[in-house]
Amino acid sequence: MLPKKNRLNKKEIVVLKKTNNDLLQGKNFSLIFKENPNVSKVALIVSNKISSKATLRNKLKRLFYKVFLSVFQKNKGEFLFLAKKSSLNAQLEDIKQDLLDFKKNIFSS
């Protein structure tokens, strides 16, 4: 789990969804990103539509945060990830590749 200072709260999530930030599509996740040089905050939304079982949703969150910490360790910004149905069957390597692709798209330009 991430420290509280590195997690987006519900108000920040709503603001990110409503603003006209770009939505990047990946194989297993979508990403809404907002540049913020002061903080690094992240949230992952795994809807009931993805899986009705909370244990599967929580397992996906644990895997995601584990990979996120290794990939986006020193990058600043507000990251809102939206899980897709295909993410339930994703392995650790698939999630890592998806996040590396997002990182390349965001920070290369």
C-alpha atoms as a PDB file:
ATOM      1  CA  MET A   1       0.000   0.000   0.000  1.00  0.00           C
ATOM      2  CA  LEU A   2       1.106   3.522  -0.691  1.00  0.00           C
ATOM      3  CA  PRO A   3       1.532   6.137   2.029  1.00  0.00           C
ATOM      4  CA  LYS A   4      -1.471   8.428   2.388  1.00  0.00           C
ATOM      5  CA  LYS A   5       0.468  11.447   1.092  1.00  0.00           C
ATOM      6  CA  ASN A   6       0.983   9.588  -2.216  1.00  0.00           C
ATOM      7  CA  ARG A   7      -2.661   8.612  -2.751  1.00  0.00           C
ATOM      8  CA  LEU A   8      -5.298  10.691  -4.497  1.00  0.00           C
ATOM      9  CA  ASN A   9      -8.329  11.388  -2.319  1.00  0.00           C
ATOM     10  CA  LYS A  10     -11.897  11.225  -3.628  1.00  0.00           C
ATOM     11  CA  LYS A  11     -12.134  14.959  -4.334  1.00  0.00           C
ATOM     12  CA  GLU A  12      -8.919  14.914  -6.344  1.00  0.00           C
ATOM     13  CA  ILE A  13     -10.160  11.907  -8.316  1.00  0.00           C
ATOM     14  CA  VAL A  14     -13.398  13.695  -9.230  1.00  0.00           C
ATOM     15  CA  VAL A  15     -11.470  16.795 -10.316  1.00  0.00           C
ATOM     16  CA  LEU A  16      -9.129  14.716 -12.483  1.00  0.00           C
ATOM     17  CA  LYS A  17     -12.050  12.950 -14.148  1.00  0.00           C
ATOM     18  CA  LYS A  18     -13.866  16.203 -14.926  1.00  0.00           C
ATOM     19  CA  THR A  19     -10.905  18.133 -16.312  1.00  0.00           C
ATOM     20  CA  ASN A  20      -9.942  17.784 -19.940  1.00  0.00           C
ATOM     21  CA  ASN A  21      -6.782  15.789 -19.384  1.00  0.00           C
ATOM     22  CA  ASP A  22      -5.729  13.276 -22.010  1.00  0.00           C
ATOM     23  CA  LEU A  23      -6.850   9.694 -21.527  1.00  0.00           C
ATOM     24  CA  LEU A  24      -4.068   7.306 -22.485  1.00  0.00           C
ATOM     25  CA  GLN A  25      -5.153   3.792 -23.401  1.00  0.00           C
ATOM     26  CA  GLY A  26      -3.092   0.726 -22.613  1.00  0.00           C
ATOM     27  CA  LYS A  27      -3.696  -2.993 -22.870  1.00  0.00           C
ATOM     28  CA  ASN A  28      -4.860  -3.444 -19.269  1.00  0.00           C
ATOM     29  CA  PHE A  29      -5.321   0.097 -17.958  1.00  0.00           C
ATOM     30  CA  SER A  30      -6.303   3.601 -18.980  1.00  0.00           C
ATOM     31  CA  LEU A  31      -4.474   6.587 -17.515  1.00  0.00           C
ATOM     32  CA  ILE A  32      -5.506  10.140 -16.768  1.00  0.00           C
ATOM     33  CA  PHE A  33      -2.408  12.196 -16.007  1.00  0.00           C
ATOM     34  CA  LYS A  34      -1.981  15.744 -14.738  1.00  0.00           C
ATOM     35  CA  GLU A  35       1.432  17.340 -14.430  1.00  0.00           C
ATOM     36  CA  ASN A  36       2.231  18.534 -10.939  1.00  0.00           C
ATOM     37  CA  PRO A  37       5.924  19.184 -10.193  1.00  0.00           C
ATOM     38  CA  ASN A  38       5.329  19.321  -6.431  1.00  0.00           C
ATOM     39  CA  VAL A  39       3.728  15.967  -5.641  1.00  0.00           C
ATOM     40  CA  SER A  40       3.463  12.401  -6.816  1.00  0.00           C
ATOM     41  CA  LYS A  41      -0.027  10.968  -6.224  1.00  0.00           C
ATOM     42  CA  VAL A  42      -1.732   7.913  -7.656  1.00  0.00           C
ATOM     43  CA  ALA A  43      -5.070   6.101  -7.569  1.00  0.00           C
ATOM     44  CA  LEU A  44      -6.349   2.944  -9.208  1.00  0.00           C
ATOM     45  CA  ILE A  45     -10.052   2.458  -9.852  1.00  0.00           C
ATOM     46  CA  VAL A  46     -11.215  -1.136 -10.241  1.00  0.00           C
ATOM     47  CA  SER A  47     -14.946  -1.089 -10.838  1.00  0.00           C
ATOM     48  CA  ASN A  48     -17.514  -3.721  -9.874  1.00  0.00           C
ATOM     49  CA  LYS A  49     -17.965  -4.208 -13.615  1.00  0.00           C
ATOM     50  CA  ILE A  50     -14.441  -5.634 -13.776  1.00  0.00           C
ATOM     51  CA  SER A  51     -15.180  -8.271 -11.146  1.00  0.00           C
ATOM     52  CA  SER A  52     -17.943  -8.630  -8.623  1.00  0.00           C
ATOM     53  CA  LYS A  53     -15.527 -10.366  -6.239  1.00  0.00           C
ATOM     54  CA  ALA A  54     -13.670  -7.978  -3.937  1.00  0.00           C
ATOM     55  CA  THR A  55     -10.818 -10.443  -3.476  1.00  0.00           C
ATOM     56  CA  LEU A  56      -9.980 -10.319  -7.193  1.00  0.00           C
ATOM     57  CA  ARG A  57     -10.188  -6.517  -7.259  1.00  0.00           C
ATOM     58  CA  ASN A  58      -7.909  -6.250  -4.214  1.00  0.00           C
ATOM     59  CA  LYS A  59      -5.410  -8.708  -5.668  1.00  0.00           C
ATOM     60  CA  LEU A  60      -5.202  -6.599  -8.810  1.00  0.00           C
ATOM     61  CA  LYS A  61      -4.654  -3.457  -6.717  1.00  0.00           C
ATOM     62  CA  ARG A  62      -1.836  -5.100  -4.746  1.00  0.00           C
ATOM     63  CA  LEU A  63      -0.085  -6.238  -7.921  1.00  0.00           C
ATOM     64  CA  PHE A  64      -0.546  -2.834  -9.519  1.00  0.00           C
ATOM     65  CA  TYR A  65       0.864  -0.830  -6.605  1.00  0.00           C
ATOM     66  CA  LYS A  66       3.830  -3.190  -6.340  1.00  0.00           C
ATOM     67  CA  VAL A  67       4.739  -2.565  -9.978  1.00  0.00           C
ATOM     68  CA  PHE A  68       3.878   1.146  -9.827  1.00  0.00           C
ATOM     69  CA  LEU A  69       6.386   1.765  -7.037  1.00  0.00           C
ATOM     70  CA  SER A  70       9.192   0.221  -9.072  1.00  0.00           C
ATOM     71  CA  VAL A  71       8.348   1.969 -12.365  1.00  0.00           C
ATOM     72  CA  PHE A  72       7.200   5.468 -11.340  1.00  0.00           C
ATOM     73  CA  GLN A  73       9.347   5.789  -8.235  1.00  0.00           C
ATOM     74  CA  LYS A  74      10.735   9.305  -8.827  1.00  0.00           C
ATOM     75  CA  ASN A  75       8.209  10.777 -11.267  1.00  0.00           C
ATOM     76  CA  LYS A  76       6.007  13.685 -10.220  1.00  0.00           C
ATOM     77  CA  GLY A  77       2.366  14.195 -11.181  1.00  0.00           C
ATOM     78  CA  GLU A  78      -1.146  13.006 -10.473  1.00  0.00           C
ATOM     79  CA  PHE A  79      -1.928   9.594 -11.938  1.00  0.00           C
ATOM     80  CA  LEU A  80      -5.416   8.112 -12.133  1.00  0.00           C
ATOM     81  CA  PHE A  81      -5.469   4.584 -13.520  1.00  0.00           C
ATOM     82  CA  LEU A  82      -8.679   2.884 -14.622  1.00  0.00           C
ATOM     83  CA  ALA A  83      -8.573  -0.904 -14.810  1.00  0.00           C
ATOM     84  CA  LYS A  84      -9.928  -2.759 -17.823  1.00  0.00           C
ATOM     85  CA  LYS A  85     -11.498  -6.216 -17.840  1.00  0.00           C
ATOM     86  CA  SER A  86      -8.336  -7.702 -19.366  1.00  0.00           C
ATOM     87  CA  SER A  87      -6.317  -6.638 -16.308  1.00  0.00           C
ATOM     88  CA  LEU A  88      -7.824  -9.459 -14.212  1.00  0.00           C
ATOM     89  CA  ASN A  89      -5.920 -12.070 -16.229  1.00  0.00           C
ATOM     90  CA  ALA A  90      -2.747  -9.985 -16.468  1.00  0.00           C
ATOM     91  CA  GLN A  91       0.489 -11.239 -15.004  1.00  0.00           C
ATOM     92  CA  LEU A  92       3.041  -9.067 -13.214  1.00  0.00           C
ATOM     93  CA  GLU A  93       5.066  -8.711 -16.434  1.00  0.00           C
ATOM     94  CA  ASP A  94       2.020  -7.526 -18.412  1.00  0.00           C
ATOM     95  CA  ILE A  95       1.245  -4.851 -15.845  1.00  0.00           C
ATOM     96  CA  LYS A  96       4.873  -3.732 -15.782  1.00  0.00           C
ATOM     97  CA  GLN A  97       4.996  -3.469 -19.575  1.00  0.00           C
ATOM     98  CA  ASP A  98       1.784  -1.426 -19.609  1.00  0.00           C
ATOM     99  CA  LEU A  99       3.167   1.001 -17.021  1.00  0.00           C
ATOM    100  CA  LEU A 100       6.489   1.306 -18.855  1.00  0.00           C
ATOM    101  CA  ASP A 101       4.597   2.208 -22.036  1.00  0.00           C
ATOM    102  CA  PHE A 102       2.668   4.896 -20.143  1.00  0.00           C
ATOM    103  CA  LYS A 103       5.887   6.266 -18.679  1.00  0.00           C
ATOM    104  CA  LYS A 104       7.495   6.417 -22.115  1.00  0.00           C
ATOM    105  CA  ASN A 105       4.467   8.244 -23.578  1.00  0.00           C
ATOM    106  CA  ILE A 106       4.204  10.789 -20.767  1.00  0.00           C
ATOM    107  CA  PHE A 107       7.792  11.684 -20.003  1.00  0.00           C
ATOM    108  CA  SER A 108       9.402  11.391 -23.438  1.00  0.00           C
ATOM    109  CA  SER A 109       7.746  14.553 -24.758  1.00  0.00           C
END
